[in-house]
Amino acid sequence: MRTATRSRVTKETSIEIRLDLDGTGVTRVTTGLPFFDHMVDQLGRHGGFDLELTAVGDLEVDAHHTVEDVGIALGECLREALGDKAGVRRFASMSLPLDEALVEVALDLSGRPYLHYDVEPGTEALGTPPFDPQLAEEFWRAFATSALITLHLDLKRGKNSHHILEASFKAVARALRDAVRVEGTGVPSTKGTL
């Protein structure tokens, strides 16, 4: 079973996560930031993962700690659930439209953390309490680094901040769904390890 749980507690946040890579897309996400909940929910639903995530953070200070720490903890869960990555497809890409927005994603479960983020979602805060769209980059950096994956996100076109961010999360989810798919038995690397 490719599952993992994570509990991360700092002076700024308290996070509990359960992830099942071979689920059916059932999610329950609560971070205190409804717009961010909606985005993280997309990872589970469109990734085909079962995801339970609860985060309590110092939102009275800023949303940054909560968003970044969720990225760290979720990335750690993905890394753990993948285990030795035997049989996974490894590489995947997706070009995903959402109305006027179009986002391209490519990723590699390489064991080498890297983020290329060329997405400009605007500065208009979304939801209540407000979610700063610029925090999405912090989430993806934390996620890619702790999951040990290479992740590229490129905005091809878009105007609406909500559409741009939602297309980004859905595109990563669909690419992950493809990359984690088991289609063999060996580790897909000439090194023998990822």
C-alpha atoms as a PDB file:
ATOM      1  CA  MET A   1       0.000   0.000   0.000  1.00  0.00           C
ATOM      2  CA  ARG A   2       1.380   3.376  -1.025  1.00  0.00           C
ATOM      3  CA  THR A   3       0.221   5.430   1.923  1.00  0.00           C
ATOM      4  CA  ALA A   4       1.819   7.838   4.341  1.00  0.00           C
ATOM      5  CA  THR A   5       0.875   9.943   7.323  1.00  0.00           C
ATOM      6  CA  ARG A   6       2.630  12.988   8.599  1.00  0.00           C
ATOM      7  CA  SER A   7       2.350  15.098  11.714  1.00  0.00           C
ATOM      8  CA  ARG A   8       4.271  18.369  11.641  1.00  0.00           C
ATOM      9  CA  VAL A   9       4.181  20.695  14.642  1.00  0.00           C
ATOM     10  CA  THR A  10       6.126  23.933  14.910  1.00  0.00           C
ATOM     11  CA  LYS A  11       5.618  27.160  16.867  1.00  0.00           C
ATOM     12  CA  GLU A  12       3.750  28.482  13.789  1.00  0.00           C
ATOM     13  CA  THR A  13       1.688  25.520  12.565  1.00  0.00           C
ATOM     14  CA  SER A  14       0.244  22.147  13.450  1.00  0.00           C
ATOM     15  CA  ILE A  15      -0.435  19.835  10.499  1.00  0.00           C
ATOM     16  CA  GLU A  16      -1.853  16.319  10.192  1.00  0.00           C
ATOM     17  CA  ILE A  17      -1.889  14.539   6.816  1.00  0.00           C
ATOM     18  CA  ARG A  18      -2.890  11.134   5.522  1.00  0.00           C
ATOM     19  CA  LEU A  19      -2.213  10.332   1.849  1.00  0.00           C
ATOM     20  CA  ASP A  20      -3.114   7.248  -0.185  1.00  0.00           C
ATOM     21  CA  LEU A  21      -1.683   7.340  -3.707  1.00  0.00           C
ATOM     22  CA  ASP A  22      -3.944   4.513  -4.847  1.00  0.00           C
ATOM     23  CA  GLY A  23      -7.183   6.031  -3.625  1.00  0.00           C
ATOM     24  CA  THR A  24     -10.207   7.329  -5.484  1.00  0.00           C
ATOM     25  CA  GLY A  25      -9.830  11.085  -5.066  1.00  0.00           C
ATOM     26  CA  VAL A  26     -11.664  11.392  -1.750  1.00  0.00           C
ATOM     27  CA  THR A  27     -10.428  14.499   0.055  1.00  0.00           C
ATOM     28  CA  ARG A  28     -10.963  16.415   3.249  1.00  0.00           C
ATOM     29  CA  VAL A  29      -8.828  19.564   3.522  1.00  0.00           C
ATOM     30  CA  THR A  30      -9.032  22.209   6.236  1.00  0.00           C
ATOM     31  CA  THR A  31      -6.338  24.867   6.636  1.00  0.00           C
ATOM     32  CA  GLY A  32      -8.273  27.936   7.757  1.00  0.00           C
ATOM     33  CA  LEU A  33      -7.830  29.373   4.247  1.00  0.00           C
ATOM     34  CA  PRO A  34     -10.861  28.284   2.186  1.00  0.00           C
ATOM     35  CA  PHE A  35      -9.323  29.239  -1.159  1.00  0.00           C
ATOM     36  CA  PHE A  36      -6.160  27.274  -0.348  1.00  0.00           C
ATOM     37  CA  ASP A  37      -8.340  24.349   0.812  1.00  0.00           C
ATOM     38  CA  HIS A  38      -9.986  24.421  -2.616  1.00  0.00           C
ATOM     39  CA  MET A  39      -6.586  24.310  -4.345  1.00  0.00           C
ATOM     40  CA  VAL A  40      -5.140  21.475  -2.216  1.00  0.00           C
ATOM     41  CA  ASP A  41      -8.407  19.598  -2.677  1.00  0.00           C
ATOM     42  CA  GLN A  42      -7.696  19.629  -6.427  1.00  0.00           C
ATOM     43  CA  LEU A  43      -4.455  17.699  -5.836  1.00  0.00           C
ATOM     44  CA  GLY A  44      -6.329  14.826  -4.251  1.00  0.00           C
ATOM     45  CA  ARG A  45      -9.369  14.817  -6.501  1.00  0.00           C
ATOM     46  CA  HIS A  46      -7.579  15.168  -9.825  1.00  0.00           C
ATOM     47  CA  GLY A  47      -4.563  13.140  -8.709  1.00  0.00           C
ATOM     48  CA  GLY A  48      -6.824  10.240  -7.756  1.00  0.00           C
ATOM     49  CA  PHE A  49      -5.352  10.300  -4.246  1.00  0.00           C
ATOM     50  CA  ASP A  50      -7.216   9.995  -0.977  1.00  0.00           C
ATOM     51  CA  LEU A  51      -6.090  12.986   1.063  1.00  0.00           C
ATOM     52  CA  GLU A  52      -6.970  14.062   4.583  1.00  0.00           C
ATOM     53  CA  LEU A  53      -5.245  17.253   5.665  1.00  0.00           C
ATOM     54  CA  THR A  54      -5.811  19.474   8.674  1.00  0.00           C
ATOM     55  CA  ALA A  55      -3.656  22.512   9.360  1.00  0.00           C
ATOM     56  CA  VAL A  56      -3.872  25.101  12.113  1.00  0.00           C
ATOM     57  CA  GLY A  57      -1.532  28.024  11.681  1.00  0.00           C
ATOM     58  CA  ASP A  58      -0.837  31.525  12.896  1.00  0.00           C
ATOM     59  CA  LEU A  59      -3.129  33.107  10.305  1.00  0.00           C
ATOM     60  CA  GLU A  60      -3.398  36.216  12.459  1.00  0.00           C
ATOM     61  CA  VAL A  61       0.255  36.840  11.559  1.00  0.00           C
ATOM     62  CA  ASP A  62       0.187  35.761   7.910  1.00  0.00           C
ATOM     63  CA  ALA A  63      -0.875  32.838   5.718  1.00  0.00           C
ATOM     64  CA  HIS A  64       2.710  32.189   4.598  1.00  0.00           C
ATOM     65  CA  HIS A  65       3.620  29.787   7.419  1.00  0.00           C
ATOM     66  CA  THR A  66       0.527  27.656   6.899  1.00  0.00           C
ATOM     67  CA  VAL A  67       0.900  27.477   3.112  1.00  0.00           C
ATOM     68  CA  GLU A  68       4.618  26.680   3.176  1.00  0.00           C
ATOM     69  CA  ASP A  69       4.355  24.131   5.986  1.00  0.00           C
ATOM     70  CA  VAL A  70       1.484  22.339   4.235  1.00  0.00           C
ATOM     71  CA  GLY A  71       3.735  22.118   1.163  1.00  0.00           C
ATOM     72  CA  ILE A  72       6.573  20.672   3.240  1.00  0.00           C
ATOM     73  CA  ALA A  73       4.410  18.096   5.005  1.00  0.00           C
ATOM     74  CA  LEU A  74       2.522  17.064   1.867  1.00  0.00           C
ATOM     75  CA  GLY A  75       5.777  16.679  -0.061  1.00  0.00           C
ATOM     76  CA  GLU A  76       7.178  14.495   2.721  1.00  0.00           C
ATOM     77  CA  CYS A  77       4.049  12.335   2.571  1.00  0.00           C
ATOM     78  CA  LEU A  78       4.361  11.915  -1.187  1.00  0.00           C
ATOM     79  CA  ARG A  79       8.035  10.933  -0.859  1.00  0.00           C
ATOM     80  CA  GLU A  80       7.240   8.385   1.855  1.00  0.00           C
ATOM     81  CA  ALA A  81       4.234   6.924   0.036  1.00  0.00           C
ATOM     82  CA  LEU A  82       6.329   6.410  -3.121  1.00  0.00           C
ATOM     83  CA  GLY A  83       8.833   4.306  -1.196  1.00  0.00           C
ATOM     84  CA  ASP A  84      11.637   3.110  -3.486  1.00  0.00           C
ATOM     85  CA  LYS A  85       9.552   4.136  -6.560  1.00  0.00           C
ATOM     86  CA  ALA A  86       9.833   0.662  -8.071  1.00  0.00           C
ATOM     87  CA  GLY A  87       7.704   0.392 -11.178  1.00  0.00           C
ATOM     88  CA  VAL A  88       6.499   4.010 -11.295  1.00  0.00           C
ATOM     89  CA  ARG A  89       6.219   5.768 -14.624  1.00  0.00           C
ATOM     90  CA  ARG A  90       8.403   8.583 -13.189  1.00  0.00           C
ATOM     91  CA  PHE A  91       7.971  11.312 -15.829  1.00  0.00           C
ATOM     92  CA  ALA A  92       4.752  13.113 -16.740  1.00  0.00           C
ATOM     93  CA  SER A  93       3.524  16.322 -18.264  1.00  0.00           C
ATOM     94  CA  MET A  94       0.185  18.018 -18.700  1.00  0.00           C
ATOM     95  CA  SER A  95      -1.189  21.026 -20.513  1.00  0.00           C
ATOM     96  CA  LEU A  96      -4.401  22.004 -18.748  1.00  0.00           C
ATOM     97  CA  PRO A  97      -6.925  24.705 -19.665  1.00  0.00           C
ATOM     98  CA  LEU A  98      -9.403  26.353 -17.330  1.00  0.00           C
ATOM     99  CA  ASP A  99     -11.460  28.868 -19.269  1.00  0.00           C
ATOM    100  CA  GLU A 100      -8.989  31.526 -20.514  1.00  0.00           C
ATOM    101  CA  ALA A 101      -6.071  30.111 -18.480  1.00  0.00           C
ATOM    102  CA  LEU A 102      -3.658  27.521 -19.829  1.00  0.00           C
ATOM    103  CA  VAL A 103      -0.907  26.020 -17.663  1.00  0.00           C
ATOM    104  CA  GLU A 104       1.765  23.513 -18.660  1.00  0.00           C
ATOM    105  CA  VAL A 105       3.374  21.231 -16.090  1.00  0.00           C
ATOM    106  CA  ALA A 106       6.221  18.742 -16.404  1.00  0.00           C
ATOM    107  CA  LEU A 107       7.596  16.704 -13.533  1.00  0.00           C
ATOM    108  CA  ASP A 108      10.082  13.992 -12.710  1.00  0.00           C
ATOM    109  CA  LEU A 109      10.067  11.863  -9.561  1.00  0.00           C
ATOM    110  CA  SER A 110      13.839  12.162  -9.818  1.00  0.00           C
ATOM    111  CA  GLY A 111      14.983  12.396  -6.214  1.00  0.00           C
ATOM    112  CA  ARG A 112      16.456  15.775  -7.175  1.00  0.00           C
ATOM    113  CA  PRO A 113      14.406  18.734  -5.906  1.00  0.00           C
ATOM    114  CA  TYR A 114      13.969  21.591  -8.337  1.00  0.00           C
ATOM    115  CA  LEU A 115      11.202  24.096  -9.049  1.00  0.00           C
ATOM    116  CA  HIS A 116      10.804  26.201 -12.152  1.00  0.00           C
ATOM    117  CA  TYR A 117       7.799  28.497 -11.610  1.00  0.00           C
ATOM    118  CA  ASP A 118       6.827  30.867 -14.397  1.00  0.00           C
ATOM    119  CA  VAL A 119       3.274  31.627 -13.291  1.00  0.00           C
ATOM    120  CA  GLU A 120       2.078  35.166 -12.661  1.00  0.00           C
ATOM    121  CA  PRO A 121      -1.352  34.866 -11.053  1.00  0.00           C
ATOM    122  CA  GLY A 122      -1.722  38.545 -10.183  1.00  0.00           C
ATOM    123  CA  THR A 123      -1.866  40.122  -6.757  1.00  0.00           C
ATOM    124  CA  GLU A 124      -5.603  40.196  -6.042  1.00  0.00           C
ATOM    125  CA  ALA A 125      -6.258  38.357  -2.763  1.00  0.00           C
ATOM    126  CA  LEU A 126      -8.689  35.457  -3.086  1.00  0.00           C
ATOM    127  CA  GLY A 127     -11.194  34.254  -0.488  1.00  0.00           C
ATOM    128  CA  THR A 128     -11.816  35.105   3.143  1.00  0.00           C
ATOM    129  CA  PRO A 129      -9.528  35.172   5.012  1.00  0.00           C
ATOM    130  CA  PRO A 130      -7.532  36.370   2.023  1.00  0.00           C
ATOM    131  CA  PHE A 131      -5.136  34.094   0.154  1.00  0.00           C
ATOM    132  CA  ASP A 132      -2.296  35.952  -1.563  1.00  0.00           C
ATOM    133  CA  PRO A 133      -1.845  34.280  -4.993  1.00  0.00           C
ATOM    134  CA  GLN A 134       1.911  34.820  -4.717  1.00  0.00           C
ATOM    135  CA  LEU A 135       1.967  32.190  -1.943  1.00  0.00           C
ATOM    136  CA  ALA A 136       1.309  29.447  -4.493  1.00  0.00           C
ATOM    137  CA  GLU A 137       4.963  29.609  -5.529  1.00  0.00           C
ATOM    138  CA  GLU A 138       6.015  29.125  -1.889  1.00  0.00           C
ATOM    139  CA  PHE A 139       3.742  26.094  -1.645  1.00  0.00           C
ATOM    140  CA  TRP A 140       5.164  24.506  -4.798  1.00  0.00           C
ATOM    141  CA  ARG A 141       8.775  25.210  -3.758  1.00  0.00           C
ATOM    142  CA  ALA A 142       8.230  23.583  -0.358  1.00  0.00           C
ATOM    143  CA  PHE A 143       6.352  20.666  -1.935  1.00  0.00           C
ATOM    144  CA  ALA A 144       8.948  19.949  -4.658  1.00  0.00           C
ATOM    145  CA  THR A 145      11.860  20.281  -2.236  1.00  0.00           C
ATOM    146  CA  SER A 146      10.448  17.951   0.420  1.00  0.00           C
ATOM    147  CA  ALA A 147       9.053  15.451  -2.127  1.00  0.00           C
ATOM    148  CA  LEU A 148      12.434  15.426  -3.902  1.00  0.00           C
ATOM    149  CA  ILE A 149      10.868  15.983  -7.324  1.00  0.00           C
ATOM    150  CA  THR A 150      11.668  18.194 -10.286  1.00  0.00           C
ATOM    151  CA  LEU A 151       8.648  20.348 -11.088  1.00  0.00           C
ATOM    152  CA  HIS A 152       8.134  22.874 -13.883  1.00  0.00           C
ATOM    153  CA  LEU A 153       5.030  25.092 -14.062  1.00  0.00           C
ATOM    154  CA  ASP A 154       4.531  27.533 -16.930  1.00  0.00           C
ATOM    155  CA  LEU A 155       1.588  29.838 -17.509  1.00  0.00           C
ATOM    156  CA  LYS A 156       0.942  29.981 -21.244  1.00  0.00           C
ATOM    157  CA  ARG A 157      -1.969  32.431 -20.973  1.00  0.00           C
ATOM    158  CA  GLY A 158      -4.519  33.620 -18.467  1.00  0.00           C
ATOM    159  CA  LYS A 159      -6.014  36.680 -16.796  1.00  0.00           C
ATOM    160  CA  ASN A 160      -8.197  35.496 -13.921  1.00  0.00           C
ATOM    161  CA  SER A 161      -6.117  34.726 -10.791  1.00  0.00           C
ATOM    162  CA  HIS A 162      -8.491  32.003  -9.625  1.00  0.00           C
ATOM    163  CA  HIS A 163      -8.443  30.269 -13.005  1.00  0.00           C
ATOM    164  CA  ILE A 164      -4.649  30.480 -13.252  1.00  0.00           C
ATOM    165  CA  LEU A 165      -4.043  28.974  -9.820  1.00  0.00           C
ATOM    166  CA  GLU A 166      -6.712  26.312 -10.183  1.00  0.00           C
ATOM    167  CA  ALA A 167      -5.327  25.267 -13.572  1.00  0.00           C
ATOM    168  CA  SER A 168      -1.873  25.028 -11.948  1.00  0.00           C
ATOM    169  CA  PHE A 169      -3.024  22.767  -9.123  1.00  0.00           C
ATOM    170  CA  LYS A 170      -5.119  20.581 -11.427  1.00  0.00           C
ATOM    171  CA  ALA A 171      -2.264  20.262 -13.923  1.00  0.00           C
ATOM    172  CA  VAL A 172       0.195  19.163 -11.235  1.00  0.00           C
ATOM    173  CA  ALA A 173      -2.410  16.722  -9.893  1.00  0.00           C
ATOM    174  CA  ARG A 174      -2.984  15.132 -13.299  1.00  0.00           C
ATOM    175  CA  ALA A 175       0.757  14.928 -13.994  1.00  0.00           C
ATOM    176  CA  LEU A 176       1.367  13.330 -10.584  1.00  0.00           C
ATOM    177  CA  ARG A 177      -1.435  10.851 -11.232  1.00  0.00           C
ATOM    178  CA  ASP A 178       0.396   9.767 -14.379  1.00  0.00           C
ATOM    179  CA  ALA A 179       3.936   9.825 -12.925  1.00  0.00           C
ATOM    180  CA  VAL A 180       3.123   7.696  -9.844  1.00  0.00           C
ATOM    181  CA  ARG A 181       1.282   5.078 -11.894  1.00  0.00           C
ATOM    182  CA  VAL A 182       2.899   1.666 -11.532  1.00  0.00           C
ATOM    183  CA  GLU A 183       3.620   0.150 -14.925  1.00  0.00           C
ATOM    184  CA  GLY A 184       6.607  -2.100 -14.238  1.00  0.00           C
ATOM    185  CA  THR A 185       8.680  -3.590 -11.466  1.00  0.00           C
ATOM    186  CA  GLY A 186      12.093  -2.003 -11.554  1.00  0.00           C
ATOM    187  CA  VAL A 187      13.199   1.472 -10.560  1.00  0.00           C
ATOM    188  CA  PRO A 188      13.082   3.618 -13.730  1.00  0.00           C
ATOM    189  CA  SER A 189      16.673   4.867 -13.574  1.00  0.00           C
ATOM    190  CA  THR A 190      20.017   3.744 -14.941  1.00  0.00           C
ATOM    191  CA  LYS A 191      21.360   4.363 -11.409  1.00  0.00           C
ATOM    192  CA  GLY A 192      18.976   1.767  -9.963  1.00  0.00           C
ATOM    193  CA  THR A 193      17.625   4.274  -7.461  1.00  0.00           C
ATOM    194  CA  LEU A 194      15.666   7.520  -7.465  1.00  0.00           C
END
